[in-house]
Amino acid sequence: MIQLENISMNYGSFQAVKNCSFNVEKGRIVGLLGPNGAGKTTLMKILATQIVPTSGRAMVAGFDCEKNPKEVRANIGYLPERAPLYDDMEVREYLDFVARGRGLKNSLLKDRLEWVKDRCALKKKWCTPIGELSKGYRQRVGLAQALIHDPPVLILDEPTSGLDPLQIIEIRDLIKDLAKEKAILYSSHIIQEIVALSDRVVIISEGSIKADGPIQELAPDFPIQELSRAQADLEKVFTTLIHHS
């Protein structure tokens, strides 16, 4: 569902991404792990058709991100690091606006609004202006706009940022449930989040992919069922790769 082939991205003389290749299949959650400034957001913006790579090819749901941007956008739900929210709108107004922009109407529009209100736990704030929301609730609204049209591919940049521990667990459970029918790529610089959610991890540093594989292969010494021990082992892998990059 997602394919990146030798993607490079230059900003003037600075090369932010260097020959990156990986894929995400339907039914899988791939975690993109790296320090701040590693190139995670650049790769996600390329997949979301916000920027065009200097070289290489990006594909989503069989469509080329450069040649068929409209088709790509129709097939993705994108939660950027800072979701494009309108502070003067109430939550319900904003999500209705996004849904109509996605072409939803009549009973389907009503059903999807009810679905995101329930699954993103927005009932208590449904009629609240977005400008009055906490960071955690703003993040929930951002996730809801990515899910409103039920896309087959989700691209989530730091989806649990700003959430309290209970909210993080709820969003994790939602993402795992969605992965049964979707391909999901999400980024984080928090190893615990990667271990808790990912089927596979792509480690990126200074624009280059340093490792790509299931956590069981990257951190083989501990069983994945033991979250804290798997996390500790992945931390060793991560720090070794970053420090020697």
Foldseek 3Di string as FASTA:
>chain_A
DKWWAQFWADDVPATQAGGDTDGWDQLFEEEEAEDPSQCLLVVLCQLQLVDPTPDTWIDDPRDTCVPCVVVSNLQFQEQHPQFPDDQQAQLQRGLLVLLVVSVDDDPLQVVLSVVLCVLLVCVVRRGPGNNPDAPQVSLSSSVSSSPSSPHQEYEEEPSRPRPDPVSLVSVLVVVNVSSRRHTYYYYDNDLLSCLSHGQKYFYTGSNYTQDIGGLCVLQVPDDSVPSVSSSVSVVVSNVVSHVVD
